[in-house]
Protein backbone atom coordinates (compact mmCIF):
# COMPACT_ATOMS: atom_id res chain seq x y z
CA MET A 1 -0.04 -0.03 0.04
CA ASP A 2 1.22 3.52 -0.81
CA ASP A 3 1.23 5.06 2.61
CA THR A 4 4.08 7.60 2.21
CA LEU A 5 4.85 10.66 0.11
CA MET A 6 8.50 11.47 -0.06
CA SER A 7 9.99 14.69 -1.47
CA ILE A 8 13.68 14.46 -2.22
CA GLN A 9 16.27 16.83 -3.52
CA ILE A 10 19.70 15.52 -4.44
CA ILE A 11 22.54 18.03 -4.31
CA PRO A 12 25.72 16.42 -5.63
CA LYS A 13 29.11 18.05 -5.31
CA THR A 14 30.36 17.48 -8.76
CA PRO A 15 33.94 16.26 -9.28
CA ASN A 16 35.27 19.31 -11.20
CA GLY A 17 32.68 21.92 -10.40
CA GLU A 18 30.52 21.23 -13.49
CA ASP A 19 26.84 21.67 -13.72
CA VAL A 20 24.83 19.47 -11.40
CA ILE A 21 21.78 19.15 -13.75
CA PRO A 22 22.99 16.08 -15.63
CA TYR A 23 23.51 14.39 -12.22
CA VAL A 24 20.07 15.46 -10.99
CA ASP A 25 18.65 14.05 -14.26
CA GLU A 26 20.38 10.80 -13.57
CA ALA A 27 18.79 10.70 -9.97
CA ILE A 28 15.38 11.31 -11.60
CA HIS A 29 16.13 8.39 -13.98
CA ILE A 30 16.64 6.18 -10.87
CA ILE A 31 13.24 7.26 -9.63
CA GLU A 32 11.73 6.50 -12.99
CA GLN A 33 13.20 2.99 -12.96
CA SER A 34 11.70 2.38 -9.56
CA GLY A 35 8.23 2.23 -11.04
CA LEU A 36 6.89 4.38 -8.25
CA PRO A 37 4.55 7.24 -9.12
CA TYR A 38 6.34 10.55 -8.93
CA ARG A 39 6.28 14.28 -9.92
CA VAL A 40 9.21 16.40 -10.62
CA GLY A 41 9.11 19.84 -9.30
CA PRO A 42 11.51 22.77 -9.76
CA LEU A 43 13.43 22.14 -6.54
CA GLU A 44 12.55 18.53 -5.52
CA THR A 45 10.82 15.41 -6.75
CA THR A 46 7.85 13.86 -4.89
CA VAL A 47 7.48 10.09 -4.97
CA GLN A 48 4.59 7.99 -3.69
CA GLY A 49 5.02 4.57 -2.25
CA SER A 50 5.59 2.48 0.93
CA MET A 51 8.09 3.78 3.44
CA ASP A 52 10.28 0.85 2.67
CA ASN A 53 10.34 1.51 -1.04
CA CYS A 54 11.08 5.25 -0.46
CA LEU A 55 13.95 4.37 1.86
CA ILE A 56 15.39 1.87 -0.68
CA LEU A 57 15.04 4.58 -3.42
CA ILE A 58 17.10 7.08 -1.41
CA GLN A 59 19.86 4.47 -1.20
CA ASN A 60 19.67 3.65 -4.86
CA MET A 61 19.94 7.21 -5.83
CA ASN A 62 22.95 7.81 -3.57
CA ASP A 63 24.50 4.58 -4.79
CA ARG A 64 24.12 5.87 -8.36
CA MET A 65 25.87 9.12 -7.45
CA VAL A 66 28.78 7.22 -6.00
CA GLU A 67 29.04 5.17 -9.19
CA LEU A 68 29.26 8.49 -11.07
CA GLU A 69 32.17 9.36 -8.85
CA ILE A 70 30.51 12.25 -7.01
CA PRO A 71 32.77 13.14 -4.08
CA SER A 72 29.82 14.06 -1.76
CA ILE A 73 26.01 14.17 -1.90
CA ILE A 74 23.41 15.98 0.11
CA SER A 75 19.97 14.35 0.14
CA GLU A 76 17.18 16.51 1.55
CA VAL A 77 14.19 14.46 2.26
CA LYS A 78 10.72 14.96 3.63
CA PHE A 79 8.19 12.33 4.47
CA TYR A 80 4.39 12.45 4.91
CA HIS A 81 3.26 9.14 6.29
CA VAL A 82 -0.39 8.12 6.36
CA PRO A 83 -0.98 4.64 7.50
CA GLU A 84 -4.38 4.36 5.76
CA GLY A 85 -2.84 5.41 2.45
CA ILE A 86 -2.01 8.58 0.59
CA THR A 87 -1.54 9.67 -3.00
CA ILE A 88 0.17 12.72 -4.54
CA GLU A 89 -3.22 13.70 -5.99
CA THR A 90 -4.71 13.79 -2.45
CA LEU A 91 -2.64 16.88 -1.77
CA THR A 92 -2.33 18.42 -5.30
CA GLY A 93 -5.30 17.19 -7.34
CA LYS A 94 -7.15 20.42 -6.94
CA TYR A 95 -4.21 22.25 -8.51
CA ASP A 96 -3.92 19.83 -11.43
CA GLU A 97 -7.02 21.18 -13.12
CA GLN A 98 -5.72 24.68 -13.30
């Protein structure tokens, strides 16, 4: 059951001071591969799933950054946990129609 919304922002310190956007795109690709519903925002991406799946996803995103030889990574994460279930649309659906 999807009982968690997680917003995550990955901030990689790039090896040679290059643009972070290609690395952020790679992190979003990891989210895409997870199969979990998600929405990309301008400063963070929100993912819908179980708490376990969200925590595994954070690990996978950070593992990918290490594979890309990023010297350090900041992961800013927020969780909204509702044991009865929650969807992204529960919180944003009224804005989707605008």
